[in-house]
Amino acid sequence: MRKELKKPALLLILIIALVTTVVAQPQRGFGGQEYRSGEMMDKLNLTVEQEKQIQDLRFDLEKVSINFRAKLQTERLKLRQLSLADEPNKKKIHAQIDKIGAIEVQLDKARVDHRLAARKILTEDQFKIFRLGMHQRQGRFDDRQDNFRKDRGNRFFPHRF
């Protein structure tokens, strides 16, 4: 009976971990969608040299990100195999989770390094414009999140505001 309970519990934990990881993924690159669309680039009035430096940084980050994502997929597959074993080994599963976490930390650090390097390319005035654009963009994201929470709250908990 205990084995019958362990497999669904482990599977549920694995699913929750994977969903949390996917939902919590930070935006890639320098400035998110506005940057990639060129809107932010126009606002910043970058020089040709600055544009090239930022583009080179983006390519470097993309290469690093591809490698980390491949490692993550491989390690998550190993975790799934460990979790679905007939006799799951708790220590091995925990060690695998730690390994996945370490790779995610490395990827986050690479993203931070990218942002800091991109920030150094901007002048003080350009960075002020960039920061203002990101705050405005974050505000739009926060509004969407608040609306989602309100809708969800009303649907599932009508007595809450």
Protein backbone atom coordinates (compact mmCIF):
# COMPACT_ATOMS: atom_id res chain seq x y z
CA MET A 1 0.00 0.00 0.00
CA ARG A 2 2.87 2.40 0.78
CA LYS A 3 4.35 1.88 -2.72
CA GLU A 4 1.00 2.71 -4.26
CA LEU A 5 0.96 6.03 -2.39
CA LYS A 6 4.61 6.91 -3.07
CA LYS A 7 4.44 6.88 -6.86
CA PRO A 8 1.51 9.32 -7.21
CA ALA A 9 2.98 11.57 -4.51
CA LEU A 10 6.37 11.68 -6.22
CA LEU A 11 4.74 12.25 -9.58
CA LEU A 12 2.69 15.11 -8.15
CA ILE A 13 5.80 16.71 -6.63
CA LEU A 14 7.64 16.38 -9.94
CA ILE A 15 4.77 17.95 -11.88
CA ILE A 16 4.53 20.84 -9.42
CA ALA A 17 8.30 21.40 -9.64
CA LEU A 18 8.27 21.42 -13.44
CA VAL A 19 5.26 23.74 -13.67
CA THR A 20 6.79 26.12 -11.12
CA THR A 21 10.03 26.16 -13.08
CA VAL A 22 8.30 26.94 -16.36
CA VAL A 23 6.07 29.65 -14.88
CA ALA A 24 8.93 31.29 -13.00
CA GLN A 25 11.25 31.62 -16.01
CA PRO A 26 12.56 35.14 -16.25
CA GLN A 27 12.44 37.04 -19.52
CA ARG A 28 15.48 36.54 -21.69
CA GLY A 29 17.76 39.15 -23.04
CA PHE A 30 18.15 42.84 -22.57
CA GLY A 31 14.83 44.60 -22.19
CA GLY A 32 12.47 41.80 -23.18
CA GLN A 33 10.01 42.18 -26.07
CA GLU A 34 10.31 45.96 -26.34
CA TYR A 35 14.04 45.61 -26.93
CA ARG A 36 13.66 42.87 -29.51
CA SER A 37 10.96 44.77 -31.36
CA GLY A 38 13.22 47.78 -31.75
CA GLU A 39 10.92 50.11 -29.81
CA MET A 40 13.36 50.40 -26.93
CA MET A 41 16.33 50.66 -29.31
CA ASP A 42 14.68 53.68 -30.97
CA LYS A 43 14.02 55.32 -27.61
CA LEU A 44 17.62 54.83 -26.50
CA ASN A 45 19.06 56.30 -29.71
CA LEU A 46 22.00 53.89 -29.62
CA THR A 47 25.10 54.40 -31.69
CA VAL A 48 25.99 51.80 -34.29
CA GLU A 49 28.80 50.58 -32.03
CA GLN A 50 26.44 50.24 -29.04
CA GLU A 51 23.94 48.29 -31.15
CA LYS A 52 26.68 45.92 -32.28
CA GLN A 53 27.96 45.43 -28.72
CA ILE A 54 24.47 44.66 -27.42
CA GLN A 55 23.77 42.33 -30.33
CA ASP A 56 27.03 40.47 -29.62
CA LEU A 57 26.04 40.18 -25.95
CA ARG A 58 22.64 38.77 -26.95
CA PHE A 59 24.24 36.15 -29.18
CA ASP A 60 26.65 35.17 -26.41
CA LEU A 61 23.79 34.84 -23.93
CA GLU A 62 21.76 32.83 -26.42
CA LYS A 63 24.63 30.36 -26.87
CA VAL A 64 25.06 29.97 -23.12
CA SER A 65 21.29 29.67 -22.59
CA ILE A 66 20.98 26.93 -25.21
CA ASN A 67 23.65 24.89 -23.43
CA PHE A 68 22.06 25.38 -20.00
CA ARG A 69 18.57 24.54 -21.27
CA ALA A 70 19.90 21.34 -22.86
CA LYS A 71 21.55 20.39 -19.57
CA LEU A 72 18.33 21.16 -17.69
CA GLN A 73 16.24 18.99 -20.01
CA THR A 74 18.68 16.11 -19.63
CA GLU A 75 18.81 16.40 -15.84
CA ARG A 76 15.01 16.70 -15.58
CA LEU A 77 14.68 13.54 -17.64
CA LYS A 78 17.03 11.78 -15.22
CA LEU A 79 14.90 13.05 -12.33
CA ARG A 80 11.79 11.68 -13.96
CA GLN A 81 13.49 8.31 -14.40
CA LEU A 82 14.54 8.28 -10.75
CA SER A 83 11.05 9.27 -9.60
CA LEU A 84 9.32 6.59 -11.67
CA ALA A 85 11.62 3.76 -10.59
CA ASP A 86 10.01 0.75 -8.91
CA GLU A 87 11.98 1.54 -5.77
CA PRO A 88 12.61 5.31 -5.83
CA ASN A 89 15.76 6.31 -3.96
CA LYS A 90 15.06 9.46 -1.97
CA LYS A 91 18.74 10.45 -1.70
CA LYS A 92 19.30 10.11 -5.44
CA ILE A 93 16.14 12.09 -6.19
CA HIS A 94 17.18 14.87 -3.79
CA ALA A 95 20.69 14.92 -5.29
CA GLN A 96 19.20 15.21 -8.78
CA ILE A 97 16.94 18.07 -7.68
CA ASP A 98 20.03 19.82 -6.27
CA LYS A 99 21.83 19.29 -9.58
CA ILE A 100 18.93 20.85 -11.48
CA GLY A 101 18.83 23.75 -9.04
CA ALA A 102 22.55 24.38 -9.50
CA ILE A 103 22.15 24.56 -13.28
CA GLU A 104 19.22 26.97 -12.91
CA VAL A 105 21.37 29.17 -10.65
CA GLN A 106 24.15 29.17 -13.25
CA LEU A 107 21.67 30.21 -15.94
CA ASP A 108 20.28 32.99 -13.75
CA LYS A 109 23.80 34.24 -13.09
CA ALA A 110 24.57 34.24 -16.82
CA ARG A 111 21.44 36.33 -17.41
CA VAL A 112 22.44 38.80 -14.69
CA ASP A 113 25.96 39.02 -16.12
CA HIS A 114 24.41 39.77 -19.51
CA ARG A 115 22.20 42.52 -18.13
CA LEU A 116 25.08 44.11 -16.23
CA ALA A 117 27.33 44.01 -19.31
CA ALA A 118 24.57 45.54 -21.44
CA ARG A 119 24.04 48.22 -18.81
CA LYS A 120 27.71 49.22 -19.02
CA ILE A 121 27.30 49.89 -22.74
CA LEU A 122 24.63 52.53 -22.14
CA THR A 123 25.33 56.12 -21.22
CA GLU A 124 23.82 57.48 -18.02
CA ASP A 125 20.99 59.20 -19.95
CA GLN A 126 20.28 56.07 -22.02
CA PHE A 127 20.12 53.98 -18.88
CA LYS A 128 17.60 56.40 -17.32
CA ILE A 129 15.40 56.02 -20.41
CA PHE A 130 15.83 52.26 -20.30
CA ARG A 131 14.98 52.08 -16.58
CA LEU A 132 11.88 54.25 -17.07
CA GLY A 133 10.71 52.02 -19.93
CA MET A 134 11.22 48.90 -17.82
CA HIS A 135 9.29 50.39 -14.89
CA GLN A 136 6.40 51.26 -17.21
CA ARG A 137 6.54 47.79 -18.71
CA GLN A 138 6.63 46.21 -15.26
CA GLY A 139 3.59 48.27 -14.30
CA ARG A 140 1.66 46.84 -17.24
CA PHE A 141 2.69 43.36 -16.17
CA ASP A 142 1.63 44.03 -12.58
CA ASP A 143 -1.75 45.30 -13.80
CA ARG A 144 -2.28 42.10 -15.79
CA GLN A 145 -1.32 40.04 -12.75
CA ASP A 146 -3.71 42.01 -10.53
CA ASN A 147 -6.54 41.56 -13.04
CA PHE A 148 -5.81 37.84 -13.22
CA ARG A 149 -5.89 37.57 -9.44
CA LYS A 150 -9.14 39.55 -9.25
CA ASP A 151 -10.79 37.39 -11.92
CA ARG A 152 -9.55 34.24 -10.31
CA GLY A 153 -10.57 35.40 -6.86
CA ASN A 154 -14.06 36.29 -8.04
CA ARG A 155 -14.48 33.01 -9.84
CA PHE A 156 -13.25 30.68 -7.13
CA PHE A 157 -13.73 32.75 -3.99
CA PRO A 158 -16.63 35.12 -4.63
CA HIS A 159 -16.65 36.31 -1.03
CA ARG A 160 -13.06 37.67 -1.31
CA PHE A 161 -12.02 40.94 -2.88
